[in-house]
Amino acid sequence: MDLQEKVKVARLSVASNLILTCGKLGVGLTMNSISVISEAIHSGLDLVASVIAFASVKESNKPADDQHRYGHGKFENLAAIIEAVLILVAAALIIKEAYPKLFGATEVKSLGLGALVMGFSALVNIYISSRLMRVARETGSPALEADAWHLRTDVLTSLGVLAGIGIIKLTGWYIVDPVIAIGVTLFILKAAYDLLRESVGSILDARLPDNEEKVIMEVLQSYAGNYVDYRNLRTRRAGPQRYMDFNLIVPRGKQIVSTHELCDSIERDLHRHLPGVEAVIHAEPCAPQDGDCEICSVRLCRKQQVEITGVCENCVECCPENEETTNQQSHP
């Protein structure tokens, strides 16, 4: 999936959040409802977050340049951190407005209008968040994923406010309004925590998730008969890009051309299973004195052996079944 699709869904998120923010704010003021106004604040922060996501998606897909030689992927992680901070600001504003009303609840008007707006908001955000999440997972975009989680949180809080309006309609208990608003705040704080944890981890070069590292090891295992061992696997993420490097131990007698082809094949498979991955493979000759022969299952074919001139004893030791071919080459 290309940049155009990512930009398209990010722009759609901006438009929907703008409409919902204006609608909720107008209705909340008409109703004198702190829970609906809190939802308007929530959607306003979603709007700011979607604008940031839109800008970061465009920036992160710029190619590497002289100042950013690893690309611009971490712009998306930075955007997600900013979004999380904005969520915390929203939570503080809601609590500031809701807490005093716990001790002096005021009448909430136009309940039917509020229910209509909350129901419409939930439906719109279900659709938009589903599209955002699909594109985010297909492209590995943390900014779009953060935006999708924002909207999914908004769905839950809108439904909560809708339920609160229903309770007020049935019972006349206006204190439900600030209670629901504080409940909205708890969902907002949880979203902020999750975003901060993941994005700060990427900024600090935390390794890839367990399931992604498992995919990497499965790909490497599929080539087990072509190398001695792999060591020092390191992984990290920057926006939609994944980076990894490791040492690949190969038989000392293996031709450099064959080793290069092996590395290329591994890289292609890694990219097929983890889009956006960039692998740096450092090939090293085996060290029989360090016990590499004990774990080696590689056997160089007769053609490869014949092409090697002056095969060293270490290669013969690592691949003992080729000793006869090597002797014939050394003593025609």
Protein backbone atom coordinates (compact mmCIF):
# COMPACT_ATOMS: atom_id res chain seq x y z
CA MET A 1 0.00 0.00 0.00
CA ASP A 2 1.44 3.34 -1.07
CA LEU A 3 1.69 6.77 0.48
CA GLN A 4 -1.42 7.95 -1.36
CA GLU A 5 -3.65 5.55 0.59
CA LYS A 6 -2.11 6.58 3.92
CA VAL A 7 -2.64 10.27 3.14
CA LYS A 8 -6.19 9.59 1.96
CA VAL A 9 -7.33 7.95 5.23
CA ALA A 10 -5.47 10.56 7.32
CA ARG A 11 -7.30 13.33 5.46
CA LEU A 12 -10.62 11.52 5.97
CA SER A 13 -9.92 11.38 9.72
CA VAL A 14 -9.28 15.14 9.83
CA ALA A 15 -12.56 15.90 8.05
CA SER A 16 -14.69 13.61 10.24
CA ASN A 17 -13.15 14.89 13.49
CA LEU A 18 -13.74 18.50 12.46
CA ILE A 19 -17.45 17.84 11.82
CA LEU A 20 -17.92 15.83 15.03
CA THR A 21 -16.10 18.36 17.21
CA CYS A 22 -18.26 21.25 16.01
CA GLY A 23 -21.44 19.19 16.31
CA LYS A 24 -20.75 17.92 19.85
CA LEU A 25 -19.67 21.34 21.12
CA GLY A 26 -22.78 23.05 19.80
CA VAL A 27 -25.11 20.38 21.19
CA GLY A 28 -23.25 20.19 24.53
CA LEU A 29 -23.63 23.94 25.09
CA THR A 30 -27.30 23.75 24.12
CA MET A 31 -27.92 20.87 26.53
CA ASN A 32 -25.76 22.33 29.34
CA SER A 33 -24.21 18.84 29.56
CA ILE A 34 -20.65 18.47 30.84
CA SER A 35 -20.46 14.89 29.53
CA VAL A 36 -21.32 15.97 25.99
CA ILE A 37 -18.95 18.96 26.24
CA SER A 38 -16.25 16.57 27.47
CA GLU A 39 -16.88 14.49 24.37
CA ALA A 40 -16.49 17.64 22.27
CA ILE A 41 -13.12 18.27 23.96
CA HIS A 42 -12.18 14.65 23.31
CA SER A 43 -13.09 14.99 19.62
CA GLY A 44 -11.23 18.30 19.46
CA LEU A 45 -8.10 16.57 20.66
CA ASP A 46 -8.79 13.81 18.13
CA LEU A 47 -8.92 16.53 15.48
CA VAL A 48 -5.53 17.91 16.53
CA ALA A 49 -4.16 14.35 16.65
CA SER A 50 -5.45 13.56 13.16
CA VAL A 51 -3.85 16.74 11.78
CA ILE A 52 -0.55 15.73 13.39
CA ALA A 53 -0.92 12.19 12.01
CA PHE A 54 -1.63 13.59 8.54
CA ALA A 55 1.49 15.79 8.63
CA SER A 56 3.73 13.06 10.10
CA VAL A 57 2.64 10.46 7.52
CA LYS A 58 3.70 12.79 4.70
CA GLU A 59 6.97 13.68 6.45
CA SER A 60 7.93 10.13 7.44
CA ASN A 61 7.71 8.90 3.85
CA LYS A 62 10.31 11.33 2.58
CA PRO A 63 13.48 9.56 1.43
CA ALA A 64 16.68 9.67 3.46
CA ASP A 65 18.70 12.85 3.05
CA ASP A 66 22.03 14.26 4.23
CA GLN A 67 20.63 15.18 7.64
CA HIS A 68 18.45 12.06 8.15
CA ARG A 69 20.42 9.20 6.65
CA TYR A 70 18.19 6.57 8.25
CA GLY A 71 15.07 8.20 6.82
CA HIS A 72 12.29 10.13 8.54
CA GLY A 73 10.32 7.25 10.09
CA LYS A 74 10.61 8.49 13.67
CA PHE A 75 8.54 11.55 12.80
CA GLU A 76 5.54 9.24 13.23
CA ASN A 77 6.73 8.14 16.68
CA LEU A 78 7.19 11.79 17.66
CA ALA A 79 3.68 12.54 16.41
CA ALA A 80 2.24 9.71 18.52
CA ILE A 81 3.97 11.11 21.64
CA ILE A 82 2.52 14.58 20.97
CA GLU A 83 -0.91 12.99 20.55
CA ALA A 84 -0.56 11.24 23.92
CA VAL A 85 0.35 14.53 25.64
CA LEU A 86 -2.70 16.18 24.08
CA ILE A 87 -4.87 13.37 25.44
CA LEU A 88 -3.56 14.11 28.94
CA VAL A 89 -4.45 17.78 28.48
CA ALA A 90 -7.98 16.78 27.44
CA ALA A 91 -8.33 14.58 30.53
CA ALA A 92 -7.28 17.43 32.82
CA LEU A 93 -9.80 19.82 31.23
CA ILE A 94 -12.65 17.33 31.58
CA ILE A 95 -11.91 16.63 35.25
CA LYS A 96 -11.67 20.37 35.94
CA GLU A 97 -15.18 20.88 34.55
CA ALA A 98 -16.78 17.67 35.86
CA TYR A 99 -15.57 17.51 39.46
CA PRO A 100 -17.47 20.57 40.85
CA LYS A 101 -20.72 19.28 39.29
CA LEU A 102 -20.53 16.12 41.41
CA PHE A 103 -21.58 18.29 44.33
CA GLY A 104 -24.09 20.44 42.53
CA ALA A 105 -25.54 18.74 39.49
CA THR A 106 -27.36 21.03 37.04
CA GLU A 107 -30.27 20.24 34.77
CA VAL A 108 -29.45 18.71 31.38
CA LYS A 109 -31.75 19.71 28.50
CA SER A 110 -32.48 18.47 24.97
CA LEU A 111 -31.67 14.86 25.80
CA GLY A 112 -33.01 13.58 22.48
CA LEU A 113 -30.68 15.83 20.49
CA GLY A 114 -27.72 14.72 22.59
CA ALA A 115 -28.58 11.05 22.09
CA LEU A 116 -28.80 11.59 18.32
CA VAL A 117 -25.37 13.27 18.15
CA MET A 118 -23.68 10.62 20.32
CA GLY A 119 -25.14 7.76 18.27
CA PHE A 120 -24.09 9.41 15.01
CA SER A 121 -20.60 10.04 16.38
CA ALA A 122 -20.17 6.40 17.41
CA LEU A 123 -21.18 5.11 13.95
CA VAL A 124 -18.90 7.52 12.08
CA ASN A 125 -15.91 6.73 14.29
CA ILE A 126 -16.44 2.97 14.00
CA TYR A 127 -16.15 3.32 10.21
CA ILE A 128 -13.21 5.77 10.18
CA SER A 129 -11.22 3.91 12.87
CA SER A 130 -11.64 0.59 11.03
CA ARG A 131 -10.22 2.09 7.84
CA LEU A 132 -7.37 3.75 9.73
CA MET A 133 -6.47 0.55 11.58
CA ARG A 134 -6.47 -1.53 8.38
CA VAL A 135 -4.14 0.88 6.58
CA ALA A 136 -1.96 1.27 9.70
CA ARG A 137 -1.40 -2.48 9.99
CA GLU A 138 -0.78 -2.94 6.28
CA THR A 139 1.81 -0.13 6.24
CA GLY A 140 3.19 -0.40 9.79
CA SER A 141 2.29 3.25 10.54
CA PRO A 142 2.31 4.12 14.27
CA ALA A 143 0.80 7.56 13.60
CA LEU A 144 -2.24 6.12 11.82
CA GLU A 145 -2.57 3.38 14.43
CA ALA A 146 -2.52 6.01 17.19
CA ASP A 147 -5.21 7.96 15.34
CA ALA A 148 -7.31 4.79 14.98
CA TRP A 149 -7.06 4.07 18.71
CA HIS A 150 -8.07 7.66 19.43
CA LEU A 151 -11.26 7.18 17.44
CA ARG A 152 -11.99 3.76 18.94
CA THR A 153 -11.71 5.32 22.38
CA ASP A 154 -14.11 8.00 21.16
CA VAL A 155 -16.59 5.29 20.14
CA LEU A 156 -16.59 3.85 23.67
CA THR A 157 -16.93 7.23 25.34
CA SER A 158 -19.71 8.30 22.96
CA LEU A 159 -21.62 5.14 23.81
CA GLY A 160 -20.99 5.85 27.52
CA VAL A 161 -22.40 9.36 27.20
CA LEU A 162 -25.34 7.97 25.20
CA ALA A 163 -26.05 5.53 28.05
CA GLY A 164 -25.81 8.39 30.56
CA ILE A 165 -28.35 10.42 28.61
CA GLY A 166 -30.68 7.43 28.65
CA ILE A 167 -30.33 7.07 32.43
CA ILE A 168 -31.03 10.77 32.96
CA LYS A 169 -34.11 10.51 30.71
CA LEU A 170 -35.45 7.55 32.70
CA THR A 171 -34.53 8.62 36.25
CA GLY A 172 -33.89 12.35 36.25
CA TRP A 173 -30.57 11.78 38.05
CA TYR A 174 -28.50 14.66 36.68
CA ILE A 175 -25.46 13.61 38.72
CA VAL A 176 -24.98 10.85 36.14
CA ASP A 177 -23.73 13.56 33.73
CA PRO A 178 -20.46 14.44 35.57
CA VAL A 179 -19.97 10.79 36.56
CA ILE A 180 -20.03 9.76 32.87
CA ALA A 181 -17.64 12.62 32.07
CA ILE A 182 -15.13 11.31 34.61
CA GLY A 183 -15.59 7.83 33.16
CA VAL A 184 -14.69 9.27 29.74
CA THR A 185 -11.51 10.64 31.33
CA LEU A 186 -10.43 7.18 32.49
CA PHE A 187 -10.64 5.85 28.93
CA ILE A 188 -8.67 8.86 27.71
CA LEU A 189 -5.89 8.29 30.28
CA LYS A 190 -5.61 4.62 29.28
CA ALA A 191 -5.21 5.62 25.62
CA ALA A 192 -2.51 8.15 26.55
CA TYR A 193 -0.58 5.56 28.56
CA ASP A 194 -0.60 3.01 25.72
CA LEU A 195 0.52 5.56 23.15
CA LEU A 196 3.34 6.89 25.32
CA ARG A 197 4.65 3.42 26.18
CA GLU A 198 4.86 2.26 22.57
CA SER A 199 6.12 5.49 21.02
CA VAL A 200 8.74 6.25 23.67
CA GLY A 201 9.97 2.68 23.27
CA SER A 202 10.50 3.25 19.55
CA ILE A 203 12.28 6.56 20.16
CA LEU A 204 14.61 4.75 22.59
CA ASP A 205 15.23 1.93 20.05
CA ALA A 206 13.35 -0.79 21.92
CA ARG A 207 13.44 -4.13 20.12
CA LEU A 208 10.62 -5.32 17.88
CA PRO A 209 7.66 -7.14 19.49
CA ASP A 210 8.05 -10.86 20.26
CA ASN A 211 5.79 -11.94 17.40
CA GLU A 212 7.87 -10.00 14.85
CA GLU A 213 11.18 -11.32 16.17
CA LYS A 214 9.68 -14.81 15.97
CA VAL A 215 8.99 -14.24 12.26
CA ILE A 216 12.62 -13.18 11.77
CA MET A 217 13.93 -16.31 13.48
CA GLU A 218 11.59 -18.53 11.46
CA VAL A 219 12.91 -17.03 8.22
CA LEU A 220 16.50 -17.57 9.35
CA GLN A 221 15.72 -21.14 10.42
CA SER A 222 14.41 -21.90 6.92
CA TYR A 223 17.98 -21.35 5.65
CA ALA A 224 19.63 -23.40 8.42
CA GLY A 225 21.30 -25.81 6.00
CA ASN A 226 23.21 -22.98 4.31
CA TYR A 227 25.07 -21.43 7.24
CA VAL A 228 26.68 -22.50 10.50
CA ASP A 229 24.90 -20.14 12.92
CA TYR A 230 23.57 -16.59 13.39
CA ARG A 231 24.42 -14.39 16.38
CA ASN A 232 23.91 -10.97 17.96
CA LEU A 233 20.46 -10.36 16.47
CA ARG A 234 19.38 -6.74 17.12
CA THR A 235 16.11 -5.12 16.09
CA ARG A 236 14.46 -1.73 16.38
CA ARG A 237 11.69 0.32 14.81
CA ALA A 238 11.43 3.85 13.45
CA GLY A 239 7.91 4.80 12.38
CA PRO A 240 6.79 2.32 9.71
CA GLN A 241 10.37 1.10 9.12
CA ARG A 242 11.92 -1.87 10.91
CA TYR A 243 15.68 -2.29 11.24
CA MET A 244 17.70 -5.37 12.14
CA ASP A 245 21.28 -6.60 12.02
CA PHE A 246 23.05 -9.82 12.95
CA ASN A 247 26.21 -11.85 12.32
CA LEU A 248 25.87 -14.78 9.92
CA ILE A 249 28.50 -17.51 10.48
CA VAL A 250 29.32 -19.38 7.26
CA PRO A 251 31.84 -22.18 6.43
CA ARG A 252 35.33 -20.83 5.90
CA GLY A 253 35.54 -22.42 2.46
CA LYS A 254 32.28 -20.99 1.15
CA GLN A 255 32.74 -18.67 -1.81
CA ILE A 256 32.03 -14.99 -1.20
CA VAL A 257 29.65 -14.97 -4.20
CA SER A 258 27.61 -17.80 -2.67
CA THR A 259 27.59 -16.06 0.71
CA HIS A 260 26.38 -12.82 -0.89
CA GLU A 261 23.58 -14.67 -2.71
CA LEU A 262 22.57 -16.32 0.57
CA CYS A 263 22.36 -12.93 2.32
CA ASP A 264 20.30 -11.50 -0.54
CA SER A 265 17.85 -14.42 -0.35
CA ILE A 266 17.46 -14.00 3.41
CA GLU A 267 16.84 -10.25 3.00
CA ARG A 268 14.18 -10.85 0.33
CA ASP A 269 12.34 -13.34 2.54
CA LEU A 270 12.51 -11.01 5.54
CA HIS A 271 11.07 -8.16 3.49
CA ARG A 272 8.27 -10.40 2.22
CA HIS A 273 7.24 -11.36 5.77
CA LEU A 274 7.88 -7.95 7.39
CA PRO A 275 7.27 -5.09 4.92
CA GLY A 276 9.57 -2.13 5.44
CA VAL A 277 12.34 -4.13 7.13
CA GLU A 278 15.96 -3.21 6.42
CA ALA A 279 18.50 -5.88 7.30
CA VAL A 280 22.26 -5.54 7.71
CA ILE A 281 23.95 -8.95 7.64
CA HIS A 282 27.59 -9.26 8.63
CA ALA A 283 28.96 -12.54 7.26
CA GLU A 284 31.82 -14.13 9.24
CA PRO A 285 33.89 -17.29 8.62
CA CYS A 286 33.40 -20.14 11.06
CA ALA A 287 35.94 -20.69 13.85
CA PRO A 288 36.50 -24.44 14.39
CA GLN A 289 38.65 -23.74 17.45
CA ASP A 290 35.60 -22.11 19.10
CA GLY A 291 33.39 -25.15 18.56
CA ASP A 292 31.59 -24.09 15.37
CA CYS A 293 32.20 -27.55 13.87
CA GLU A 294 30.12 -29.10 16.62
CA ILE A 295 26.97 -27.28 15.50
CA CYS A 296 27.68 -27.11 11.75
CA SER A 297 25.33 -29.00 9.43
CA VAL A 298 26.51 -27.33 6.20
CA ARG A 299 28.08 -29.50 3.51
CA LEU A 300 29.64 -27.74 0.54
CA CYS A 301 28.75 -29.51 -2.70
CA ARG A 302 31.44 -31.06 -4.95
CA LYS A 303 31.16 -28.23 -7.51
CA GLN A 304 31.81 -25.59 -4.85
CA GLN A 305 34.79 -27.54 -3.52
CA VAL A 306 36.37 -27.95 -6.94
CA GLU A 307 36.06 -24.21 -7.58
CA ILE A 308 37.93 -23.39 -4.36
CA THR A 309 41.68 -23.22 -4.71
CA GLY A 310 43.83 -24.07 -1.76
CA VAL A 311 41.03 -25.09 0.59
CA CYS A 312 42.15 -24.53 4.17
CA GLU A 313 42.14 -27.28 6.78
CA ASN A 314 39.43 -25.45 8.72
CA CYS A 315 36.98 -25.87 5.84
CA VAL A 316 37.77 -29.56 5.62
CA GLU A 317 37.35 -29.83 9.39
CA CYS A 318 34.00 -28.05 9.23
CA CYS A 319 32.87 -30.14 6.26
CA PRO A 320 34.68 -33.49 6.74
CA GLU A 321 32.77 -35.33 4.02
CA ASN A 322 34.54 -33.18 1.43
CA GLU A 323 38.02 -34.15 2.58
CA GLU A 324 38.47 -36.71 -0.23
CA THR A 325 37.52 -34.14 -2.90
CA THR A 326 39.92 -31.62 -1.40
CA ASN A 327 42.79 -34.09 -1.31
CA GLN A 328 42.21 -34.93 -4.97
CA GLN A 329 42.33 -31.24 -5.83
CA SER A 330 45.51 -30.66 -3.83
CA HIS A 331 47.27 -33.78 -5.25
CA PRO A 332 46.22 -34.32 -8.88
